[in-house]
Amino acid sequence: DGPPSGGARQAGIGRRKADARIAAVGGTPPFHDASGPSWLLDLGSLRDAAQLLDICKRNFGREPGEPFTYEQLVEAIVPAERERMQQSGREAIATLSDYEHEYRIVTPAGDSRWIMARGRVHLGADDKPLSMSGVTLDRTENRRNEEQRLLLTAELKHRVKNSMATIQSIATQTMRNATSLEQAKEVLTARMQ
């Protein structure tokens, strides 16, 4: 991957300036909630400079006062999804685009959760990526609701298909035994009530 194109770099610079204007008037920049970001990441030193704030810690099953490093965050992500999460972050940095990734984690208590992380790359005075900040959202309940919806939809589809097969069978048998179209209509109407 080469450096970001001129257009991507200008878009990143524009976003950084817009975020600064929003913050200057007391607003909330994108990918922050009213209390601010839930994570901050110094891109120069991922190992030492991640600030995983209380809301992020709670989403990962940690207590607010408990130490929680970037390495522990990555380790909490299920192994099959770790590389995709990290690649998504690298792409956001390389292209100066917004970061958004949903992944499964396992908390220290062994609970499985779905986390949505959203963030933005911030540039230094030299217009090079300096840091990222953003929010984490616990999407576990949404995922469970979606799985339940899909299960109910599949069950409904199965029942409708079975009902249609029954109706088709009744119609076929009625048509085979009827002496006229009018008789078939009367018999079929009576059978369906």
C-alpha atoms as a PDB file:
ATOM      1  CA  ASP A   1       0.000   0.000   0.000  1.00  0.00           C
ATOM      2  CA  GLY A   2       1.360   3.388  -0.906  1.00  0.00           C
ATOM      3  CA  PRO A   3       0.592   6.686   0.738  1.00  0.00           C
ATOM      4  CA  PRO A   4      -2.982   7.924   0.497  1.00  0.00           C
ATOM      5  CA  SER A   5      -3.906   9.671  -2.728  1.00  0.00           C
ATOM      6  CA  GLY A   6      -4.143  13.443  -2.767  1.00  0.00           C
ATOM      7  CA  GLY A   7      -7.951  13.251  -2.604  1.00  0.00           C
ATOM      8  CA  ALA A   8      -7.947  10.839   0.329  1.00  0.00           C
ATOM      9  CA  ARG A   9      -5.378  12.934   2.172  1.00  0.00           C
ATOM     10  CA  GLN A  10      -7.411  16.108   1.598  1.00  0.00           C
ATOM     11  CA  ALA A  11     -10.560  14.348   2.812  1.00  0.00           C
ATOM     12  CA  GLY A  12      -8.712  13.229   5.966  1.00  0.00           C
ATOM     13  CA  ILE A  13      -7.392  16.727   6.563  1.00  0.00           C
ATOM     14  CA  GLY A  14     -10.883  18.126   6.006  1.00  0.00           C
ATOM     15  CA  ARG A  15     -12.372  15.693   8.541  1.00  0.00           C
ATOM     16  CA  ARG A  16      -9.693  16.587  11.096  1.00  0.00           C
ATOM     17  CA  LYS A  17     -10.428  20.307  10.710  1.00  0.00           C
ATOM     18  CA  ALA A  18     -14.187  19.702  10.888  1.00  0.00           C
ATOM     19  CA  ASP A  19     -13.759  17.662  14.083  1.00  0.00           C
ATOM     20  CA  ALA A  20     -11.698  20.475  15.602  1.00  0.00           C
ATOM     21  CA  ARG A  21     -14.418  23.032  14.720  1.00  0.00           C
ATOM     22  CA  ILE A  22     -17.104  20.814  16.268  1.00  0.00           C
ATOM     23  CA  ALA A  23     -15.068  20.365  19.446  1.00  0.00           C
ATOM     24  CA  ALA A  24     -14.337  24.118  19.636  1.00  0.00           C
ATOM     25  CA  VAL A  25     -18.042  24.928  19.931  1.00  0.00           C
ATOM     26  CA  GLY A  26     -18.652  22.207  22.511  1.00  0.00           C
ATOM     27  CA  GLY A  27     -20.070  19.630  20.106  1.00  0.00           C
ATOM     28  CA  THR A  28     -19.389  15.918  19.903  1.00  0.00           C
ATOM     29  CA  PRO A  29     -17.160  14.840  17.004  1.00  0.00           C
ATOM     30  CA  PRO A  30     -18.260  11.782  15.009  1.00  0.00           C
ATOM     31  CA  PHE A  31     -17.488   8.405  16.611  1.00  0.00           C
ATOM     32  CA  HIS A  32     -17.626   9.854  20.122  1.00  0.00           C
ATOM     33  CA  ASP A  33     -20.569   9.742  22.456  1.00  0.00           C
ATOM     34  CA  ALA A  34     -21.596  12.622  24.706  1.00  0.00           C
ATOM     35  CA  SER A  35     -18.858  11.721  27.196  1.00  0.00           C
ATOM     36  CA  GLY A  36     -16.185  11.545  24.486  1.00  0.00           C
ATOM     37  CA  PRO A  37     -14.441   8.609  22.846  1.00  0.00           C
ATOM     38  CA  SER A  38     -14.300   5.203  24.512  1.00  0.00           C
ATOM     39  CA  TRP A  39     -10.830   4.509  23.117  1.00  0.00           C
ATOM     40  CA  LEU A  40      -7.800   6.509  22.040  1.00  0.00           C
ATOM     41  CA  LEU A  41      -4.876   5.004  20.180  1.00  0.00           C
ATOM     42  CA  ASP A  42      -1.445   6.583  19.619  1.00  0.00           C
ATOM     43  CA  LEU A  43      -0.391   5.206  16.246  1.00  0.00           C
ATOM     44  CA  GLY A  44       3.280   5.704  17.027  1.00  0.00           C
ATOM     45  CA  SER A  45       3.220   3.241  19.889  1.00  0.00           C
ATOM     46  CA  LEU A  46       0.266   0.863  19.929  1.00  0.00           C
ATOM     47  CA  ARG A  47       1.813  -1.093  22.758  1.00  0.00           C
ATOM     48  CA  ASP A  48       2.122   1.727  25.268  1.00  0.00           C
ATOM     49  CA  ALA A  49      -0.320   4.417  24.263  1.00  0.00           C
ATOM     50  CA  ALA A  50      -3.777   2.877  23.976  1.00  0.00           C
ATOM     51  CA  GLN A  51      -6.255   4.458  26.338  1.00  0.00           C
ATOM     52  CA  LEU A  52      -9.190   2.118  26.728  1.00  0.00           C
ATOM     53  CA  LEU A  53     -11.680   4.086  28.736  1.00  0.00           C
ATOM     54  CA  ASP A  54     -14.363   2.821  31.108  1.00  0.00           C
ATOM     55  CA  ILE A  55     -17.124   2.258  28.536  1.00  0.00           C
ATOM     56  CA  CYS A  56     -14.742   0.254  26.358  1.00  0.00           C
ATOM     57  CA  LYS A  57     -13.598  -1.752  29.381  1.00  0.00           C
ATOM     58  CA  ARG A  58     -17.213  -2.547  30.338  1.00  0.00           C
ATOM     59  CA  ASN A  59     -17.990  -3.676  26.784  1.00  0.00           C
ATOM     60  CA  PHE A  60     -15.067  -6.105  27.054  1.00  0.00           C
ATOM     61  CA  GLY A  61     -16.239  -7.405  30.448  1.00  0.00           C
ATOM     62  CA  ARG A  62     -13.688  -5.463  32.483  1.00  0.00           C
ATOM     63  CA  GLU A  63     -14.111  -3.260  35.520  1.00  0.00           C
ATOM     64  CA  PRO A  64     -13.525   0.487  35.006  1.00  0.00           C
ATOM     65  CA  GLY A  65     -10.484   0.652  37.320  1.00  0.00           C
ATOM     66  CA  GLU A  66      -8.949  -2.543  35.959  1.00  0.00           C
ATOM     67  CA  PRO A  67      -5.868  -2.286  33.729  1.00  0.00           C
ATOM     68  CA  PHE A  68      -6.721  -3.126  30.116  1.00  0.00           C
ATOM     69  CA  THR A  69      -4.130  -2.870  27.348  1.00  0.00           C
ATOM     70  CA  TYR A  70      -4.408  -2.881  23.579  1.00  0.00           C
ATOM     71  CA  GLU A  71      -2.787  -6.338  23.569  1.00  0.00           C
ATOM     72  CA  GLN A  72      -5.476  -7.613  25.958  1.00  0.00           C
ATOM     73  CA  LEU A  73      -8.166  -6.107  23.724  1.00  0.00           C
ATOM     74  CA  VAL A  74      -6.773  -7.922  20.681  1.00  0.00           C
ATOM     75  CA  GLU A  75      -6.403 -11.132  22.695  1.00  0.00           C
ATOM     76  CA  ALA A  76     -10.108 -10.932  23.709  1.00  0.00           C
ATOM     77  CA  ILE A  77     -11.162 -11.049  20.032  1.00  0.00           C
ATOM     78  CA  VAL A  78     -11.902 -14.578  18.851  1.00  0.00           C
ATOM     79  CA  PRO A  79      -8.860 -15.870  16.938  1.00  0.00           C
ATOM     80  CA  ALA A  80     -10.689 -16.251  13.611  1.00  0.00           C
ATOM     81  CA  GLU A  81     -11.510 -12.521  13.610  1.00  0.00           C
ATOM     82  CA  ARG A  82      -8.341 -10.936  14.999  1.00  0.00           C
ATOM     83  CA  GLU A  83      -6.496 -10.483  11.719  1.00  0.00           C
ATOM     84  CA  ARG A  84      -9.558  -9.001   9.975  1.00  0.00           C
ATOM     85  CA  MET A  85      -9.992  -6.487  12.803  1.00  0.00           C
ATOM     86  CA  GLN A  86      -6.341  -5.451  12.651  1.00  0.00           C
ATOM     87  CA  GLN A  87      -6.372  -5.313   8.829  1.00  0.00           C
ATOM     88  CA  SER A  88      -9.426  -3.080   8.931  1.00  0.00           C
ATOM     89  CA  GLY A  89      -7.533  -0.707  11.244  1.00  0.00           C
ATOM     90  CA  ARG A  90      -4.463  -0.705   8.989  1.00  0.00           C
ATOM     91  CA  GLU A  91      -6.647   0.110   5.976  1.00  0.00           C
ATOM     92  CA  ALA A  92      -8.325   3.004   7.786  1.00  0.00           C
ATOM     93  CA  ILE A  93      -4.911   4.432   8.681  1.00  0.00           C
ATOM     94  CA  ALA A  94      -3.472   3.921   5.186  1.00  0.00           C
ATOM     95  CA  THR A  95      -6.449   5.496   3.427  1.00  0.00           C
ATOM     96  CA  LEU A  96      -7.326   8.043   6.140  1.00  0.00           C
ATOM     97  CA  SER A  97     -10.847   6.636   6.110  1.00  0.00           C
ATOM     98  CA  ASP A  98     -13.199   6.051   8.999  1.00  0.00           C
ATOM     99  CA  TYR A  99     -12.784   2.763  10.841  1.00  0.00           C
ATOM    100  CA  GLU A 100     -15.755   0.475  11.444  1.00  0.00           C
ATOM    101  CA  HIS A 101     -15.541  -3.182  12.324  1.00  0.00           C
ATOM    102  CA  GLU A 102     -17.763  -5.656  14.147  1.00  0.00           C
ATOM    103  CA  TYR A 103     -16.192  -8.671  15.821  1.00  0.00           C
ATOM    104  CA  ARG A 104     -16.804 -11.311  18.466  1.00  0.00           C
ATOM    105  CA  ILE A 105     -14.964 -11.302  21.757  1.00  0.00           C
ATOM    106  CA  VAL A 106     -14.767 -13.524  24.803  1.00  0.00           C
ATOM    107  CA  THR A 107     -14.810 -11.732  28.170  1.00  0.00           C
ATOM    108  CA  PRO A 108     -12.660 -12.840  31.122  1.00  0.00           C
ATOM    109  CA  ALA A 109     -15.828 -14.496  32.543  1.00  0.00           C
ATOM    110  CA  GLY A 110     -16.139 -16.557  29.330  1.00  0.00           C
ATOM    111  CA  ASP A 111     -19.145 -14.687  27.895  1.00  0.00           C
ATOM    112  CA  SER A 112     -19.307 -14.255  24.134  1.00  0.00           C
ATOM    113  CA  ARG A 113     -20.133 -10.731  22.925  1.00  0.00           C
ATOM    114  CA  TRP A 114     -20.360  -8.845  19.654  1.00  0.00           C
ATOM    115  CA  ILE A 115     -18.558  -5.494  19.604  1.00  0.00           C
ATOM    116  CA  MET A 116     -18.879  -2.738  17.010  1.00  0.00           C
ATOM    117  CA  ALA A 117     -15.865  -0.443  16.977  1.00  0.00           C
ATOM    118  CA  ARG A 118     -15.981   2.836  15.076  1.00  0.00           C
ATOM    119  CA  GLY A 119     -13.217   5.364  14.867  1.00  0.00           C
ATOM    120  CA  ARG A 120     -11.449   8.088  13.016  1.00  0.00           C
ATOM    121  CA  VAL A 121      -7.809   8.713  12.144  1.00  0.00           C
ATOM    122  CA  HIS A 122      -6.390  12.026  13.389  1.00  0.00           C
ATOM    123  CA  LEU A 123      -3.491  13.686  11.620  1.00  0.00           C
ATOM    124  CA  GLY A 124      -0.544  15.499  13.132  1.00  0.00           C
ATOM    125  CA  ALA A 125       0.705  18.936  12.108  1.00  0.00           C
ATOM    126  CA  ASP A 126       2.637  17.219   9.295  1.00  0.00           C
ATOM    127  CA  ASP A 127      -0.658  15.732   7.981  1.00  0.00           C
ATOM    128  CA  LYS A 128       0.497  12.180   8.785  1.00  0.00           C
ATOM    129  CA  PRO A 129      -1.638   9.750  10.830  1.00  0.00           C
ATOM    130  CA  LEU A 130      -0.953  10.444  14.500  1.00  0.00           C
ATOM    131  CA  SER A 131      -3.762   8.799  16.438  1.00  0.00           C
ATOM    132  CA  MET A 132      -7.209   7.261  16.276  1.00  0.00           C
ATOM    133  CA  SER A 133     -10.169   7.659  18.568  1.00  0.00           C
ATOM    134  CA  GLY A 134     -13.613   6.194  18.606  1.00  0.00           C
ATOM    135  CA  VAL A 135     -16.287   4.245  20.378  1.00  0.00           C
ATOM    136  CA  THR A 136     -17.088   0.621  21.074  1.00  0.00           C
ATOM    137  CA  LEU A 137     -20.676  -0.548  21.175  1.00  0.00           C
ATOM    138  CA  ASP A 138     -21.889  -3.833  22.631  1.00  0.00           C
ATOM    139  CA  ARG A 139     -24.027  -5.272  19.797  1.00  0.00           C
ATOM    140  CA  THR A 140     -24.658  -8.639  21.481  1.00  0.00           C
ATOM    141  CA  GLU A 141     -28.362  -8.057  22.101  1.00  0.00           C
ATOM    142  CA  ASN A 142     -28.849  -6.795  18.539  1.00  0.00           C
ATOM    143  CA  ARG A 143     -27.101  -9.901  17.181  1.00  0.00           C
ATOM    144  CA  ARG A 144     -29.246 -12.208  19.338  1.00  0.00           C
ATOM    145  CA  ASN A 145     -32.401 -10.427  18.183  1.00  0.00           C
ATOM    146  CA  GLU A 146     -31.291 -10.761  14.556  1.00  0.00           C
ATOM    147  CA  GLU A 147     -30.558 -14.482  15.023  1.00  0.00           C
ATOM    148  CA  GLN A 148     -33.997 -14.942  16.618  1.00  0.00           C
ATOM    149  CA  ARG A 149     -35.636 -13.035  13.750  1.00  0.00           C
ATOM    150  CA  LEU A 150     -33.855 -15.221  11.185  1.00  0.00           C
ATOM    151  CA  LEU A 151     -34.907 -18.379  13.040  1.00  0.00           C
ATOM    152  CA  LEU A 152     -38.547 -17.253  13.198  1.00  0.00           C
ATOM    153  CA  THR A 153     -38.480 -16.238   9.528  1.00  0.00           C
ATOM    154  CA  ALA A 154     -37.118 -19.658   8.546  1.00  0.00           C
ATOM    155  CA  GLU A 155     -39.788 -21.390  10.655  1.00  0.00           C
ATOM    156  CA  LEU A 156     -42.536 -19.265   9.106  1.00  0.00           C
ATOM    157  CA  LYS A 157     -41.208 -19.970   5.612  1.00  0.00           C
ATOM    158  CA  HIS A 158     -41.197 -23.711   6.382  1.00  0.00           C
ATOM    159  CA  ARG A 159     -44.783 -23.624   7.679  1.00  0.00           C
ATOM    160  CA  VAL A 160     -46.033 -21.620   4.696  1.00  0.00           C
ATOM    161  CA  LYS A 161     -44.298 -24.040   2.342  1.00  0.00           C
ATOM    162  CA  ASN A 162     -45.972 -27.002   4.095  1.00  0.00           C
ATOM    163  CA  SER A 163     -49.358 -25.277   3.980  1.00  0.00           C
ATOM    164  CA  MET A 164     -48.955 -24.565   0.281  1.00  0.00           C
ATOM    165  CA  ALA A 165     -48.025 -28.217  -0.368  1.00  0.00           C
ATOM    166  CA  THR A 166     -51.181 -29.309   1.441  1.00  0.00           C
ATOM    167  CA  ILE A 167     -53.332 -26.862  -0.551  1.00  0.00           C
ATOM    168  CA  GLN A 168     -51.701 -27.995  -3.794  1.00  0.00           C
ATOM    169  CA  SER A 169     -52.402 -31.631  -2.918  1.00  0.00           C
ATOM    170  CA  ILE A 170     -56.061 -30.888  -2.114  1.00  0.00           C
ATOM    171  CA  ALA A 171     -56.448 -28.904  -5.353  1.00  0.00           C
ATOM    172  CA  THR A 172     -54.838 -31.643  -7.448  1.00  0.00           C
ATOM    173  CA  GLN A 173     -57.026 -34.361  -5.907  1.00  0.00           C
ATOM    174  CA  THR A 174     -60.156 -32.219  -6.322  1.00  0.00           C
ATOM    175  CA  MET A 175     -59.395 -31.491  -9.990  1.00  0.00           C
ATOM    176  CA  ARG A 176     -58.703 -35.144 -10.713  1.00  0.00           C
ATOM    177  CA  ASN A 177     -62.063 -36.305  -9.272  1.00  0.00           C
ATOM    178  CA  ALA A 178     -64.265 -33.453 -10.540  1.00  0.00           C
ATOM    179  CA  THR A 179     -66.464 -33.904 -13.596  1.00  0.00           C
ATOM    180  CA  SER A 180     -66.520 -30.185 -14.432  1.00  0.00           C
ATOM    181  CA  LEU A 181     -64.684 -26.993 -13.607  1.00  0.00           C
ATOM    182  CA  GLU A 182     -67.755 -25.699 -11.735  1.00  0.00           C
ATOM    183  CA  GLN A 183     -67.896 -28.856  -9.580  1.00  0.00           C
ATOM    184  CA  ALA A 184     -64.153 -28.582  -8.871  1.00  0.00           C
ATOM    185  CA  LYS A 185     -64.615 -24.978  -7.748  1.00  0.00           C
ATOM    186  CA  GLU A 186     -67.483 -25.897  -5.382  1.00  0.00           C
ATOM    187  CA  VAL A 187     -65.660 -28.906  -3.890  1.00  0.00           C
ATOM    188  CA  LEU A 188     -62.376 -26.991  -3.501  1.00  0.00           C
ATOM    189  CA  THR A 189     -64.145 -24.048  -1.830  1.00  0.00           C
ATOM    190  CA  ALA A 190     -65.914 -26.411   0.577  1.00  0.00           C
ATOM    191  CA  ARG A 191     -62.670 -28.231   1.454  1.00  0.00           C
ATOM    192  CA  MET A 192     -60.823 -24.978   2.177  1.00  0.00           C
ATOM    193  CA  GLN A 193     -63.353 -23.733   4.743  1.00  0.00           C
END
